[in-house]
Amino acid sequence: MKTISKALAGAALVVASALPALAEEFRLGLITPPPHIWTKAAEAFGADLAEASGGAHSVTVFPARQLGNEAEMLQQLQTGALDMAFMTVAEVSNRATDFGALYAPFLANDIAHAGRILRSDTAKAMLAQLPATAGVVGTGYGMAGLRQIVSSKPITSVEDLAGLKLRITPFEANLDFYNAIGAAPTPMPLPDVYDALANGQVDAIDMDSELIWLLKYYEFSETVLQSDHMMFPMVGLVSGRVWAGLSEEDRSMIGELMARHVDSTIDTYIEKDPIWLEQVRDTGRTYVEVDEDFFADAVAEWNGIWSERAPSLDALRKVAAETAN
């Protein structure tokens, strides 16, 4: 928490030149649907903020892309048109390239290890970049489950993924990984994925276990690869312009409460990710567990690209090694 407090204090200095009006009714955007863990965390944050502020502040949560996709919401945060967001680090990494380091293939050994990495001082210190690079203040990390692959075609080796139209979340670190494999990465918003699998618009998807199970993507699978190949972090964000108009007391209250609630998602996924994977396995689909060796030279190719683009990568690898057990 000390690392977050220092980052938030620095963020206030960076954005102090902005001149917004003080907002008491905050708007918080997400791309996740209402039942999603991130949305529930956002709603709990709003309730706690209202209580802690004695009713002075309230938060209206807009889930399911009601305010636009993440790129659009990030632009709104930069202008002050949107106050807050719980957003994938994927979108942030499109503006602040160093955050691509958090998507290093096989950086985490399992879901609990991913949580330890995100809770490290090294990961938290990266948030100090955001006011200058993206015009937002990062309060802390949450996450979704590790990434898996669901394919409508049989997959017995990495060569079987070559040329497949594979739905991805559009960010460079992910594109580079699937290009290295030889797949045809196909960016697509989440609401379109089910129909795209059903009608053959895509052959495979990159997804976490929660949505594979709850949205029944497994129904169109010939093979489910439990690869656990990437973390998928989330970050709590406040508009830099809005932050500059807050009192020191409100900055502290909002920053600490938001950090607590995004962090709570880590414990939820550590508990539930293995359960969802087991439920998918029990559907009787072809279920294959693979490791880094399955992806042949793709991991080394990704590392070669991102070792120069993401200065924090070496430090995160050190943290990963120190927290592996």
Protein backbone atom coordinates (compact mmCIF):
# COMPACT_ATOMS: atom_id res chain seq x y z
CA MET A 1 0.00 0.00 0.00
CA LYS A 2 2.95 2.35 0.63
CA THR A 3 3.98 2.00 -3.01
CA ILE A 4 0.49 2.95 -4.16
CA SER A 5 0.39 5.95 -1.83
CA LYS A 6 3.70 7.25 -3.18
CA ALA A 7 2.52 6.78 -6.77
CA LEU A 8 -0.72 8.61 -6.07
CA ALA A 9 1.12 11.49 -4.47
CA GLY A 10 3.37 11.78 -7.53
CA ALA A 11 0.37 11.62 -9.80
CA ALA A 12 -1.11 14.64 -8.09
CA LEU A 13 1.97 16.68 -8.96
CA VAL A 14 1.94 15.58 -12.60
CA VAL A 15 -1.67 16.52 -13.21
CA ALA A 16 -1.87 19.58 -10.94
CA SER A 17 -1.88 21.96 -13.91
CA ALA A 18 -5.30 20.70 -15.06
CA LEU A 19 -8.33 22.81 -14.10
CA PRO A 20 -11.43 20.61 -13.80
CA ALA A 21 -14.53 21.20 -11.74
CA LEU A 22 -14.79 19.13 -8.58
CA ALA A 23 -16.93 16.07 -9.27
CA GLU A 24 -19.01 14.55 -6.51
CA GLU A 25 -21.07 12.19 -8.62
CA PHE A 26 -18.52 9.99 -10.33
CA ARG A 27 -19.11 7.89 -13.44
CA LEU A 28 -17.18 4.61 -13.69
CA GLY A 29 -17.04 2.63 -16.93
CA LEU A 30 -16.25 -1.02 -17.67
CA ILE A 31 -16.56 -3.39 -20.61
CA THR A 32 -17.64 -6.32 -18.44
CA PRO A 33 -21.32 -7.34 -18.07
CA PRO A 34 -23.26 -6.74 -14.81
CA PRO A 35 -22.69 -10.23 -13.30
CA HIS A 36 -18.92 -10.09 -13.90
CA ILE A 37 -16.52 -10.03 -10.97
CA TRP A 38 -15.02 -6.70 -12.06
CA THR A 39 -18.44 -5.07 -12.25
CA LYS A 40 -19.38 -6.34 -8.81
CA ALA A 41 -16.10 -4.97 -7.43
CA ALA A 42 -16.85 -1.58 -9.00
CA GLU A 43 -20.28 -1.51 -7.42
CA ALA A 44 -18.83 -2.44 -4.03
CA PHE A 45 -16.25 0.35 -4.39
CA GLY A 46 -19.04 2.84 -5.08
CA ALA A 47 -20.99 1.73 -2.02
CA ASP A 48 -17.94 1.98 0.23
CA LEU A 49 -16.99 5.39 -1.15
CA ALA A 50 -20.48 6.73 -0.46
CA GLU A 51 -20.29 5.45 3.10
CA ALA A 52 -16.73 6.65 3.73
CA SER A 53 -17.51 10.13 2.40
CA GLY A 54 -20.69 10.42 4.42
CA GLY A 55 -22.71 10.59 1.22
CA ALA A 56 -20.64 13.40 -0.28
CA HIS A 57 -19.51 11.18 -3.15
CA SER A 58 -21.40 8.63 -5.20
CA VAL A 59 -20.39 6.35 -8.07
CA THR A 60 -22.63 5.31 -10.95
CA VAL A 61 -21.28 2.18 -12.63
CA PHE A 62 -21.73 1.77 -16.39
CA PRO A 63 -20.93 -1.85 -17.33
CA ALA A 64 -21.07 -3.70 -20.64
CA ARG A 65 -19.46 -1.00 -22.80
CA GLN A 66 -22.31 1.45 -22.20
CA LEU A 67 -19.80 4.30 -22.46
CA GLY A 68 -17.88 2.79 -25.37
CA ASN A 69 -15.05 0.34 -25.79
CA GLU A 70 -11.91 0.63 -23.69
CA ALA A 71 -10.04 2.81 -26.18
CA GLU A 72 -12.97 5.22 -26.20
CA MET A 73 -13.25 5.20 -22.42
CA LEU A 74 -9.54 5.88 -22.04
CA GLN A 75 -9.93 8.92 -24.28
CA GLN A 76 -12.83 10.07 -22.12
CA LEU A 77 -10.68 9.66 -19.01
CA GLN A 78 -7.95 11.77 -20.59
CA THR A 79 -10.36 14.62 -21.31
CA GLY A 80 -12.20 14.36 -17.99
CA ALA A 81 -15.47 13.35 -19.68
CA LEU A 82 -15.29 10.09 -17.69
CA ASP A 83 -14.21 10.04 -14.06
CA MET A 84 -13.11 6.45 -13.44
CA ALA A 85 -12.75 3.04 -15.02
CA PHE A 86 -11.80 -0.52 -14.22
CA MET A 87 -9.88 -1.36 -17.37
CA THR A 88 -7.72 -4.12 -18.78
CA VAL A 89 -4.02 -3.39 -18.65
CA ALA A 90 -4.13 -4.55 -22.28
CA GLU A 91 -5.68 -1.24 -23.36
CA VAL A 92 -3.35 0.74 -21.12
CA SER A 93 -0.36 -1.00 -22.69
CA ASN A 94 -1.38 0.41 -26.07
CA ARG A 95 -0.55 3.86 -24.62
CA ALA A 96 2.11 2.95 -22.07
CA THR A 97 4.18 0.25 -23.76
CA ASP A 98 6.06 -0.79 -20.62
CA PHE A 99 2.87 -2.42 -19.33
CA GLY A 100 3.24 -5.02 -22.07
CA ALA A 101 5.76 -6.63 -19.72
CA LEU A 102 2.86 -7.89 -17.62
CA TYR A 103 1.84 -10.10 -20.57
CA ALA A 104 5.12 -11.94 -20.88
CA PRO A 105 4.22 -15.53 -21.81
CA PHE A 106 4.53 -17.88 -18.83
CA LEU A 107 5.65 -15.11 -16.49
CA ALA A 108 3.33 -16.68 -13.90
CA ASN A 109 3.34 -20.38 -13.10
CA ASP A 110 -0.31 -20.43 -12.02
CA ILE A 111 -3.14 -18.14 -10.97
CA ALA A 112 -1.90 -17.66 -7.39
CA HIS A 113 1.58 -16.81 -8.67
CA ALA A 114 0.03 -14.21 -10.98
CA GLY A 115 -1.57 -12.60 -7.96
CA ARG A 116 1.74 -12.40 -6.12
CA ILE A 117 3.39 -10.75 -9.11
CA LEU A 118 0.65 -8.12 -9.41
CA ARG A 119 0.84 -7.38 -5.68
CA SER A 120 4.60 -6.85 -5.81
CA ASP A 121 6.18 -3.42 -5.28
CA THR A 122 7.73 -3.76 -8.74
CA ALA A 123 4.38 -4.08 -10.48
CA LYS A 124 2.80 -1.33 -8.38
CA ALA A 125 5.68 1.04 -9.09
CA MET A 126 4.85 0.87 -12.80
CA LEU A 127 1.61 2.76 -12.09
CA ALA A 128 3.63 5.95 -11.51
CA GLN A 129 4.11 6.17 -15.31
CA LEU A 130 0.43 6.57 -16.09
CA PRO A 131 -0.21 10.28 -15.45
CA ALA A 132 2.54 11.27 -17.89
CA THR A 133 1.96 8.55 -20.50
CA ALA A 134 -1.82 8.16 -20.45
CA GLY A 135 -3.27 11.09 -18.52
CA VAL A 136 -4.75 8.84 -15.84
CA VAL A 137 -3.97 7.83 -12.28
CA GLY A 138 -3.64 4.10 -11.56
CA THR A 139 -4.72 3.10 -8.07
CA GLY A 140 -3.99 -0.63 -8.12
CA TYR A 141 -4.33 -3.95 -9.94
CA GLY A 142 -6.96 -6.61 -10.21
CA MET A 143 -7.06 -9.44 -12.73
CA ALA A 144 -9.03 -12.04 -14.63
CA GLY A 145 -7.99 -15.65 -15.03
CA LEU A 146 -4.98 -16.85 -16.96
CA ARG A 147 -5.46 -17.15 -20.73
CA GLN A 148 -6.53 -20.40 -22.39
CA ILE A 149 -7.29 -21.38 -25.99
CA VAL A 150 -10.60 -22.82 -27.21
CA SER A 151 -10.55 -24.23 -30.75
CA SER A 152 -13.31 -25.54 -32.99
CA LYS A 153 -10.68 -27.71 -34.68
CA PRO A 154 -8.48 -30.51 -33.32
CA ILE A 155 -5.22 -29.23 -31.80
CA THR A 156 -2.42 -31.68 -31.09
CA SER A 157 0.58 -29.39 -31.66
CA VAL A 158 1.36 -25.71 -32.06
CA GLU A 159 1.49 -26.27 -35.82
CA ASP A 160 -2.26 -26.95 -35.73
CA LEU A 161 -2.80 -23.33 -34.66
CA ALA A 162 -1.02 -21.99 -37.75
CA GLY A 163 -3.38 -20.04 -39.97
CA LEU A 164 -6.38 -20.35 -37.65
CA LYS A 165 -8.53 -17.25 -37.22
CA LEU A 166 -8.09 -16.80 -33.50
CA ARG A 167 -10.04 -14.15 -31.59
CA ILE A 168 -7.88 -11.97 -29.36
CA THR A 169 -8.13 -8.85 -27.27
CA PRO A 170 -6.42 -6.24 -29.47
CA PHE A 171 -3.15 -5.14 -27.93
CA GLU A 172 0.37 -5.42 -29.25
CA ALA A 173 1.79 -7.89 -26.76
CA ASN A 174 -0.97 -10.35 -27.60
CA LEU A 175 -0.70 -9.76 -31.34
CA ASP A 176 3.03 -10.46 -31.22
CA PHE A 177 2.52 -13.73 -29.37
CA TYR A 178 -0.01 -15.14 -31.82
CA ASN A 179 1.87 -13.85 -34.84
CA ALA A 180 4.91 -15.72 -33.53
CA ILE A 181 2.81 -18.89 -33.35
CA GLY A 182 1.67 -18.38 -36.94
CA ALA A 183 -2.03 -18.00 -36.14
CA ALA A 184 -4.20 -15.31 -37.71
CA PRO A 185 -5.05 -13.15 -34.68
CA THR A 186 -8.47 -11.58 -35.12
CA PRO A 187 -9.43 -8.69 -32.80
CA MET A 188 -13.08 -8.87 -31.80
CA PRO A 189 -15.20 -7.31 -29.03
CA LEU A 190 -16.44 -9.72 -26.39
CA PRO A 191 -20.17 -9.50 -27.25
CA ASP A 192 -19.46 -10.83 -30.76
CA VAL A 193 -17.45 -13.88 -29.72
CA TYR A 194 -20.22 -16.42 -29.16
CA ASP A 195 -21.85 -15.89 -32.56
CA ALA A 196 -18.44 -15.76 -34.27
CA LEU A 197 -17.59 -19.20 -32.89
CA ALA A 198 -21.04 -20.54 -33.72
CA ASN A 199 -20.98 -19.45 -37.37
CA GLY A 200 -17.31 -20.18 -38.02
CA GLN A 201 -16.24 -16.57 -38.37
CA VAL A 202 -13.33 -17.50 -36.08
CA ASP A 203 -11.75 -20.90 -35.55
CA ALA A 204 -10.48 -20.37 -32.02
CA ILE A 205 -10.42 -17.88 -29.17
CA ASP A 206 -7.99 -16.65 -26.53
CA MET A 207 -10.06 -16.44 -23.32
CA ASP A 208 -10.06 -16.90 -19.56
CA SER A 209 -11.79 -19.79 -17.81
CA GLU A 210 -14.57 -17.66 -16.31
CA LEU A 211 -16.01 -16.70 -19.68
CA ILE A 212 -15.23 -20.04 -21.32
CA TRP A 213 -17.47 -21.62 -18.70
CA LEU A 214 -20.11 -18.99 -17.90
CA LEU A 215 -20.68 -17.88 -21.52
CA LYS A 216 -20.44 -21.48 -22.75
CA TYR A 217 -17.79 -20.93 -25.38
CA TYR A 218 -16.78 -24.55 -24.83
CA GLU A 219 -19.96 -25.60 -26.66
CA PHE A 220 -18.24 -24.87 -29.97
CA SER A 221 -14.92 -26.45 -29.08
CA GLU A 222 -13.21 -29.48 -30.52
CA THR A 223 -10.24 -28.82 -28.23
CA VAL A 224 -9.75 -26.80 -25.07
CA LEU A 225 -6.09 -26.05 -24.42
CA GLN A 226 -5.35 -25.24 -20.80
CA SER A 227 -2.16 -23.33 -21.50
CA ASP A 228 -2.16 -20.67 -18.74
CA HIS A 229 0.10 -18.78 -21.12
CA MET A 230 -0.56 -15.17 -20.02
CA MET A 231 -1.79 -13.16 -17.09
CA PHE A 232 -4.66 -10.76 -17.75
CA PRO A 233 -4.39 -7.85 -15.31
CA MET A 234 -6.92 -5.11 -14.68
CA VAL A 235 -6.20 -1.64 -13.30
CA GLY A 236 -8.34 0.85 -11.42
CA LEU A 237 -8.08 4.27 -13.09
CA VAL A 238 -9.09 7.83 -12.26
CA SER A 239 -9.03 10.62 -14.82
CA GLY A 240 -5.97 12.80 -14.28
CA ARG A 241 -8.10 15.89 -14.75
CA VAL A 242 -10.62 14.74 -12.17
CA TRP A 243 -7.83 13.74 -9.78
CA ALA A 244 -6.33 17.23 -9.95
CA GLY A 245 -9.58 18.73 -8.72
CA LEU A 246 -9.82 16.51 -5.65
CA SER A 247 -8.71 17.45 -2.16
CA GLU A 248 -5.80 15.53 -0.63
CA GLU A 249 -8.30 13.82 1.68
CA ASP A 250 -10.48 12.69 -1.22
CA ARG A 251 -7.48 11.50 -3.23
CA SER A 252 -6.38 9.35 -0.32
CA MET A 253 -9.88 7.98 0.31
CA ILE A 254 -10.65 7.23 -3.34
CA GLY A 255 -7.22 5.83 -4.11
CA GLU A 256 -7.16 3.47 -1.15
CA LEU A 257 -10.74 2.26 -1.55
CA MET A 258 -10.39 1.66 -5.28
CA ALA A 259 -7.09 -0.15 -4.77
CA ARG A 260 -8.72 -2.40 -2.16
CA HIS A 261 -11.63 -3.34 -4.40
CA VAL A 262 -9.63 -4.02 -7.58
CA ASP A 263 -7.23 -6.10 -5.46
CA SER A 264 -10.18 -8.13 -4.14
CA THR A 265 -10.70 -9.58 -7.61
CA ILE A 266 -7.32 -11.31 -7.35
CA ASP A 267 -8.47 -13.44 -4.43
CA THR A 268 -11.73 -14.25 -6.23
CA TYR A 269 -9.93 -15.55 -9.31
CA ILE A 270 -7.38 -17.50 -7.28
CA GLU A 271 -10.32 -19.30 -5.68
CA LYS A 272 -12.57 -19.76 -8.71
CA ASP A 273 -10.24 -20.18 -11.71
CA PRO A 274 -9.40 -23.86 -10.96
CA ILE A 275 -13.11 -24.59 -10.37
CA TRP A 276 -14.16 -23.17 -13.73
CA LEU A 277 -11.41 -25.09 -15.52
CA GLU A 278 -12.52 -28.32 -13.88
CA GLN A 279 -16.12 -27.67 -14.93
CA VAL A 280 -15.00 -27.15 -18.53
CA ARG A 281 -12.98 -30.35 -18.36
CA ASP A 282 -16.02 -32.23 -17.08
CA THR A 283 -18.05 -31.32 -20.20
CA GLY A 284 -16.26 -34.10 -22.02
CA ARG A 285 -14.62 -31.91 -24.64
CA THR A 286 -11.09 -32.80 -25.67
CA TYR A 287 -9.13 -31.11 -22.91
CA VAL A 288 -5.36 -30.83 -23.19
CA GLU A 289 -2.96 -29.30 -20.69
CA VAL A 290 0.14 -27.80 -22.30
CA ASP A 291 3.13 -25.82 -21.09
CA GLU A 292 5.70 -23.43 -22.51
CA ASP A 293 7.39 -26.17 -24.56
CA PHE A 294 4.18 -26.64 -26.56
CA PHE A 295 4.62 -23.20 -28.14
CA ALA A 296 8.10 -24.02 -29.47
CA ASP A 297 10.02 -20.86 -30.44
CA ALA A 298 7.11 -18.42 -30.09
CA VAL A 299 7.92 -17.53 -26.49
CA ALA A 300 11.55 -16.78 -27.29
CA GLU A 301 10.46 -14.67 -30.26
CA TRP A 302 8.09 -12.67 -28.05
CA ASN A 303 10.82 -12.16 -25.45
CA GLY A 304 13.17 -10.91 -28.13
CA ILE A 305 10.67 -8.25 -29.20
CA TRP A 306 9.56 -7.10 -25.77
CA SER A 307 12.86 -7.16 -23.91
CA GLU A 308 13.61 -3.88 -25.71
CA ARG A 309 10.11 -2.40 -25.63
CA ALA A 310 9.27 -2.97 -21.95
CA PRO A 311 11.96 -1.73 -19.54
CA SER A 312 10.21 -3.31 -16.54
CA LEU A 313 10.33 -6.83 -18.00
CA ASP A 314 13.61 -7.88 -16.35
CA ALA A 315 12.48 -6.58 -12.96
CA LEU A 316 9.18 -8.46 -13.26
CA ARG A 317 11.01 -11.65 -14.19
CA LYS A 318 13.09 -11.25 -11.03
CA VAL A 319 9.92 -10.84 -8.98
CA ALA A 320 8.40 -13.87 -10.67
CA ALA A 321 11.43 -15.97 -9.77
CA GLU A 322 11.38 -14.74 -6.16
CA THR A 323 7.67 -15.43 -5.71
CA ALA A 324 7.42 -18.70 -7.62
CA ASN A 325 6.80 -20.86 -4.55
